[in-house]
Amino acid sequence: MEKPLKVTFKGIAQSDEIESACFKHFAKIEKLTDRITSCHVVVSARESDRERNQLHNYHLTLLVPGTEIVITHDAGEVHSKEEDLRALRDTFDRARHRLDEFMERRRDRTRS
């Protein structure tokens, strides 16, 4: 079966470090449920870094039956590579939190 995570680099060179981090963070989300049908992360350079390709904007779309979770992180407040990788982690953390909330609401409806 094809992995549900897809990482796309838009307007910048592919980065093994970022792609590897995406798979690592996605593995934590996968532990919450086996119902994830897809997760797509688009990585793009912020406007002021187009030539240097150092800091990134992240757009994550997570699909599970019944909902679509979309998280966008603009690198406007990021100033270093470490902060950039932290921003990626935070993007996945927010997605995991929203997925957890969605699953809890679904469980509550089932119990009622």
N, C-alpha and C. Protein backbone atom coordinates (compact mmCIF):
# COMPACT_ATOMS: atom_id res chain seq x y z
N MET A 1 0.83 -1.18 0.00
CA MET A 1 0.00 0.00 0.00
C MET A 1 0.88 1.25 0.00
N GLU A 2 0.47 2.25 -0.70
CA GLU A 2 1.21 3.51 -0.77
C GLU A 2 1.11 4.25 0.56
N LYS A 3 2.23 4.86 0.96
CA LYS A 3 2.22 5.63 2.20
C LYS A 3 1.31 6.84 2.05
N PRO A 4 0.56 7.16 3.11
CA PRO A 4 -0.37 8.29 3.00
C PRO A 4 0.31 9.66 3.06
N LEU A 5 1.63 9.73 3.34
CA LEU A 5 2.31 11.02 3.42
C LEU A 5 3.00 11.35 2.11
N LYS A 6 2.74 12.56 1.65
CA LYS A 6 3.41 13.07 0.46
C LYS A 6 4.00 14.43 0.81
N VAL A 7 5.26 14.65 0.47
CA VAL A 7 5.93 15.91 0.73
C VAL A 7 6.29 16.53 -0.62
N THR A 8 5.85 17.76 -0.84
CA THR A 8 6.10 18.46 -2.09
C THR A 8 6.89 19.73 -1.80
N PHE A 9 7.92 19.95 -2.58
CA PHE A 9 8.71 21.17 -2.46
C PHE A 9 8.33 22.07 -3.63
N LYS A 10 7.84 23.24 -3.31
CA LYS A 10 7.32 24.15 -4.33
C LYS A 10 8.25 25.36 -4.48
N GLY A 11 8.88 25.46 -5.66
CA GLY A 11 9.74 26.58 -5.94
C GLY A 11 11.08 26.55 -5.24
N ILE A 12 11.41 25.42 -4.62
CA ILE A 12 12.69 25.28 -3.93
C ILE A 12 13.22 23.86 -4.17
N ALA A 13 14.50 23.68 -3.87
CA ALA A 13 15.12 22.37 -4.03
C ALA A 13 14.61 21.42 -2.94
N GLN A 14 14.52 20.15 -3.27
CA GLN A 14 14.12 19.12 -2.32
C GLN A 14 15.16 19.04 -1.21
N SER A 15 14.71 18.83 0.03
CA SER A 15 15.59 18.73 1.18
C SER A 15 15.36 17.40 1.88
N ASP A 16 16.39 16.56 1.92
CA ASP A 16 16.27 15.27 2.62
C ASP A 16 16.01 15.48 4.11
N GLU A 17 16.62 16.51 4.69
CA GLU A 17 16.44 16.79 6.11
C GLU A 17 14.99 17.11 6.44
N ILE A 18 14.38 17.97 5.65
CA ILE A 18 12.98 18.33 5.89
C ILE A 18 12.06 17.15 5.60
N GLU A 19 12.31 16.44 4.52
CA GLU A 19 11.48 15.29 4.19
C GLU A 19 11.55 14.23 5.29
N SER A 20 12.74 13.97 5.78
CA SER A 20 12.91 13.00 6.86
C SER A 20 12.18 13.46 8.12
N ALA A 21 12.26 14.75 8.43
CA ALA A 21 11.55 15.29 9.60
C ALA A 21 10.04 15.13 9.44
N CYS A 22 9.53 15.34 8.23
CA CYS A 22 8.10 15.16 7.97
C CYS A 22 7.67 13.73 8.26
N PHE A 23 8.44 12.76 7.79
CA PHE A 23 8.09 11.35 8.03
C PHE A 23 8.16 11.02 9.52
N LYS A 24 9.15 11.58 10.22
CA LYS A 24 9.28 11.34 11.66
C LYS A 24 8.07 11.89 12.40
N HIS A 25 7.67 13.12 12.09
CA HIS A 25 6.54 13.74 12.77
C HIS A 25 5.22 13.06 12.39
N PHE A 26 5.10 12.64 11.14
CA PHE A 26 3.88 11.96 10.70
C PHE A 26 3.70 10.62 11.41
N ALA A 27 4.80 9.95 11.72
CA ALA A 27 4.72 8.66 12.41
C ALA A 27 4.00 8.81 13.75
N LYS A 28 4.18 9.95 14.43
CA LYS A 28 3.48 10.19 15.69
C LYS A 28 1.98 10.35 15.47
N ILE A 29 1.62 11.02 14.38
CA ILE A 29 0.20 11.21 14.08
C ILE A 29 -0.45 9.87 13.71
N GLU A 30 0.28 9.05 12.98
CA GLU A 30 -0.25 7.74 12.56
C GLU A 30 -0.61 6.87 13.75
N LYS A 31 0.05 7.08 14.88
CA LYS A 31 -0.23 6.27 16.06
C LYS A 31 -1.62 6.56 16.65
N LEU A 32 -2.18 7.73 16.32
CA LEU A 32 -3.50 8.09 16.84
C LEU A 32 -4.61 7.29 16.19
N THR A 33 -4.47 7.04 14.89
CA THR A 33 -5.53 6.33 14.16
C THR A 33 -4.98 5.70 12.89
N ASP A 34 -5.59 4.62 12.48
CA ASP A 34 -5.20 3.98 11.22
C ASP A 34 -6.14 4.43 10.09
N ARG A 35 -6.95 5.45 10.36
CA ARG A 35 -7.95 5.90 9.38
C ARG A 35 -7.46 7.06 8.52
N ILE A 36 -6.21 7.45 8.64
CA ILE A 36 -5.69 8.55 7.83
C ILE A 36 -5.61 8.08 6.38
N THR A 37 -6.28 8.83 5.50
CA THR A 37 -6.25 8.45 4.08
C THR A 37 -5.14 9.17 3.33
N SER A 38 -4.79 10.38 3.77
CA SER A 38 -3.66 11.06 3.14
C SER A 38 -3.19 12.22 4.00
N CYS A 39 -1.93 12.55 3.80
CA CYS A 39 -1.34 13.71 4.45
C CYS A 39 -0.40 14.30 3.41
N HIS A 40 -0.61 15.57 3.09
CA HIS A 40 0.21 16.24 2.07
C HIS A 40 0.82 17.48 2.71
N VAL A 41 2.15 17.56 2.64
CA VAL A 41 2.86 18.71 3.16
C VAL A 41 3.50 19.42 1.97
N VAL A 42 3.20 20.71 1.84
CA VAL A 42 3.83 21.53 0.80
C VAL A 42 4.80 22.46 1.50
N VAL A 43 6.05 22.39 1.07
CA VAL A 43 7.12 23.21 1.64
C VAL A 43 7.52 24.23 0.57
N SER A 44 7.47 25.50 0.93
CA SER A 44 7.87 26.54 -0.02
C SER A 44 8.73 27.57 0.71
N ALA A 45 9.57 28.26 -0.04
CA ALA A 45 10.42 29.29 0.57
C ALA A 45 9.58 30.53 0.82
N ARG A 46 9.87 31.20 1.91
CA ARG A 46 9.17 32.46 2.12
C ARG A 46 9.70 33.47 1.11
N GLU A 47 8.91 34.47 0.81
CA GLU A 47 9.22 35.43 -0.26
C GLU A 47 10.63 35.99 -0.18
N SER A 48 11.05 36.43 1.00
CA SER A 48 12.35 37.09 1.13
C SER A 48 13.52 36.11 1.02
N ASP A 49 13.26 34.80 1.06
CA ASP A 49 14.33 33.81 1.01
C ASP A 49 14.33 32.98 -0.27
N ARG A 50 13.64 33.43 -1.29
CA ARG A 50 13.52 32.63 -2.52
C ARG A 50 14.89 32.25 -3.09
N GLU A 51 15.86 33.16 -3.07
CA GLU A 51 17.17 32.83 -3.63
C GLU A 51 17.98 31.92 -2.71
N ARG A 52 17.86 32.13 -1.40
CA ARG A 52 18.67 31.36 -0.45
C ARG A 52 18.02 30.04 -0.04
N ASN A 53 16.70 29.93 -0.16
CA ASN A 53 15.97 28.70 0.20
C ASN A 53 16.27 28.24 1.63
N GLN A 54 16.31 29.16 2.57
CA GLN A 54 16.68 28.78 3.93
C GLN A 54 15.48 28.55 4.85
N LEU A 55 14.52 29.45 4.83
CA LEU A 55 13.39 29.35 5.75
C LEU A 55 12.13 29.09 4.95
N HIS A 56 11.21 28.36 5.55
CA HIS A 56 10.11 27.80 4.76
C HIS A 56 8.73 28.10 5.32
N ASN A 57 7.78 28.10 4.42
CA ASN A 57 6.37 28.08 4.76
C ASN A 57 5.91 26.64 4.65
N TYR A 58 5.04 26.21 5.56
CA TYR A 58 4.53 24.84 5.55
C TYR A 58 3.01 24.87 5.44
N HIS A 59 2.49 24.03 4.57
CA HIS A 59 1.05 23.87 4.41
C HIS A 59 0.77 22.37 4.49
N LEU A 60 0.04 21.96 5.52
CA LEU A 60 -0.23 20.54 5.76
C LEU A 60 -1.72 20.30 5.61
N THR A 61 -2.07 19.29 4.83
CA THR A 61 -3.47 18.87 4.69
C THR A 61 -3.55 17.40 5.08
N LEU A 62 -4.36 17.12 6.09
CA LEU A 62 -4.53 15.77 6.62
C LEU A 62 -5.98 15.35 6.39
N LEU A 63 -6.17 14.21 5.74
CA LEU A 63 -7.53 13.71 5.47
C LEU A 63 -7.80 12.43 6.24
N VAL A 64 -8.94 12.43 6.93
CA VAL A 64 -9.48 11.22 7.55
C VAL A 64 -10.97 11.22 7.21
N PRO A 65 -11.60 10.07 7.19
CA PRO A 65 -13.02 10.06 6.87
C PRO A 65 -13.79 11.00 7.81
N GLY A 66 -14.51 11.93 7.22
CA GLY A 66 -15.32 12.85 7.99
C GLY A 66 -14.74 14.23 8.19
N THR A 67 -13.45 14.41 7.88
CA THR A 67 -12.88 15.74 8.06
C THR A 67 -11.59 15.93 7.26
N GLU A 68 -11.28 17.20 7.05
CA GLU A 68 -10.03 17.61 6.44
C GLU A 68 -9.40 18.62 7.40
N ILE A 69 -8.19 18.35 7.82
CA ILE A 69 -7.48 19.23 8.73
C ILE A 69 -6.41 19.96 7.93
N VAL A 70 -6.44 21.28 7.98
CA VAL A 70 -5.49 22.09 7.22
C VAL A 70 -4.74 22.99 8.19
N ILE A 71 -3.43 22.92 8.15
CA ILE A 71 -2.57 23.75 8.99
C ILE A 71 -1.60 24.48 8.07
N THR A 72 -1.49 25.79 8.27
CA THR A 72 -0.54 26.58 7.50
C THR A 72 0.37 27.32 8.46
N HIS A 73 1.66 27.25 8.21
CA HIS A 73 2.62 27.98 9.02
C HIS A 73 3.42 28.89 8.11
N ASP A 74 3.28 30.18 8.33
CA ASP A 74 4.03 31.18 7.57
C ASP A 74 5.33 31.44 8.31
N ALA A 75 6.44 31.35 7.61
CA ALA A 75 7.75 31.50 8.23
C ALA A 75 8.10 32.94 8.56
N GLY A 76 7.12 33.83 8.55
CA GLY A 76 7.38 35.23 8.81
C GLY A 76 8.09 35.50 10.12
N GLU A 77 7.79 34.70 11.16
CA GLU A 77 8.42 34.94 12.45
C GLU A 77 9.63 34.04 12.71
N VAL A 78 10.03 33.25 11.72
CA VAL A 78 11.16 32.34 11.85
C VAL A 78 12.43 33.03 11.37
N HIS A 79 13.52 32.87 12.13
CA HIS A 79 14.75 33.58 11.78
C HIS A 79 15.98 32.68 11.64
N SER A 80 15.87 31.41 12.01
CA SER A 80 17.03 30.52 11.92
C SER A 80 16.58 29.14 11.46
N LYS A 81 17.55 28.33 11.06
CA LYS A 81 17.25 26.97 10.61
C LYS A 81 16.63 26.15 11.74
N GLU A 82 17.11 26.33 12.95
CA GLU A 82 16.56 25.60 14.09
C GLU A 82 15.10 25.99 14.32
N GLU A 83 14.82 27.29 14.23
CA GLU A 83 13.43 27.75 14.37
C GLU A 83 12.56 27.23 13.23
N ASP A 84 13.15 27.10 12.05
CA ASP A 84 12.42 26.60 10.90
C ASP A 84 12.00 25.15 11.14
N LEU A 85 12.92 24.32 11.62
CA LEU A 85 12.58 22.92 11.92
C LEU A 85 11.59 22.83 13.07
N ARG A 86 11.68 23.73 14.03
CA ARG A 86 10.72 23.79 15.12
C ARG A 86 9.34 24.16 14.58
N ALA A 87 9.30 25.05 13.60
CA ALA A 87 8.03 25.44 12.97
C ALA A 87 7.39 24.24 12.28
N LEU A 88 8.21 23.41 11.64
CA LEU A 88 7.69 22.20 11.01
C LEU A 88 7.10 21.27 12.07
N ARG A 89 7.83 21.08 13.16
CA ARG A 89 7.33 20.23 14.25
C ARG A 89 6.02 20.80 14.81
N ASP A 90 5.97 22.11 15.01
CA ASP A 90 4.76 22.74 15.53
C ASP A 90 3.57 22.56 14.58
N THR A 91 3.83 22.60 13.29
CA THR A 91 2.78 22.38 12.29
C THR A 91 2.17 20.99 12.47
N PHE A 92 3.03 19.99 12.60
CA PHE A 92 2.54 18.62 12.81
C PHE A 92 1.87 18.48 14.17
N ASP A 93 2.40 19.15 15.20
CA ASP A 93 1.77 19.09 16.53
C ASP A 93 0.35 19.66 16.49
N ARG A 94 0.16 20.77 15.79
CA ARG A 94 -1.18 21.35 15.68
C ARG A 94 -2.12 20.41 14.93
N ALA A 95 -1.61 19.75 13.89
CA ALA A 95 -2.44 18.79 13.15
C ALA A 95 -2.81 17.61 14.05
N ARG A 96 -1.85 17.13 14.83
CA ARG A 96 -2.13 16.02 15.74
C ARG A 96 -3.17 16.43 16.78
N HIS A 97 -3.07 17.63 17.28
CA HIS A 97 -4.02 18.13 18.27
C HIS A 97 -5.43 18.22 17.67
N ARG A 98 -5.54 18.77 16.48
CA ARG A 98 -6.86 18.87 15.83
C ARG A 98 -7.44 17.50 15.52
N LEU A 99 -6.59 16.58 15.09
CA LEU A 99 -7.06 15.22 14.82
C LEU A 99 -7.56 14.58 16.10
N ASP A 100 -6.84 14.76 17.18
CA ASP A 100 -7.25 14.21 18.47
C ASP A 100 -8.60 14.79 18.90
N GLU A 101 -8.79 16.10 18.73
CA GLU A 101 -10.08 16.74 19.05
C GLU A 101 -11.21 16.17 18.19
N PHE A 102 -10.95 15.99 16.90
CA PHE A 102 -11.96 15.44 16.01
C PHE A 102 -12.36 14.03 16.44
N MET A 103 -11.36 13.21 16.76
CA MET A 103 -11.65 11.83 17.16
C MET A 103 -12.41 11.79 18.47
N GLU A 104 -12.10 12.71 19.39
CA GLU A 104 -12.81 12.77 20.67
C GLU A 104 -14.29 13.15 20.45
N ARG A 105 -14.53 14.14 19.59
CA ARG A 105 -15.92 14.52 19.27
C ARG A 105 -16.66 13.34 18.65
N ARG A 106 -16.00 12.62 17.78
CA ARG A 106 -16.62 11.46 17.13
C ARG A 106 -16.96 10.38 18.16
N ARG A 107 -16.04 10.14 19.11
CA ARG A 107 -16.30 9.15 20.17
C ARG A 107 -17.49 9.58 21.03
N ASP A 108 -17.55 10.90 21.34
CA ASP A 108 -18.66 11.41 22.15
C ASP A 108 -19.99 11.20 21.45
N ARG A 109 -20.04 11.42 20.15
CA ARG A 109 -21.29 11.21 19.38
C ARG A 109 -21.67 9.74 19.38
N THR A 110 -20.68 8.87 19.30
CA THR A 110 -20.95 7.43 19.27
C THR A 110 -21.51 6.96 20.61
N ARG A 111 -21.01 7.52 21.70
CA ARG A 111 -21.46 7.14 23.04
C ARG A 111 -22.89 7.60 23.31
N SER A 112 -23.28 8.69 22.71
CA SER A 112 -24.62 9.28 22.99
C SER A 112 -25.74 8.47 22.40
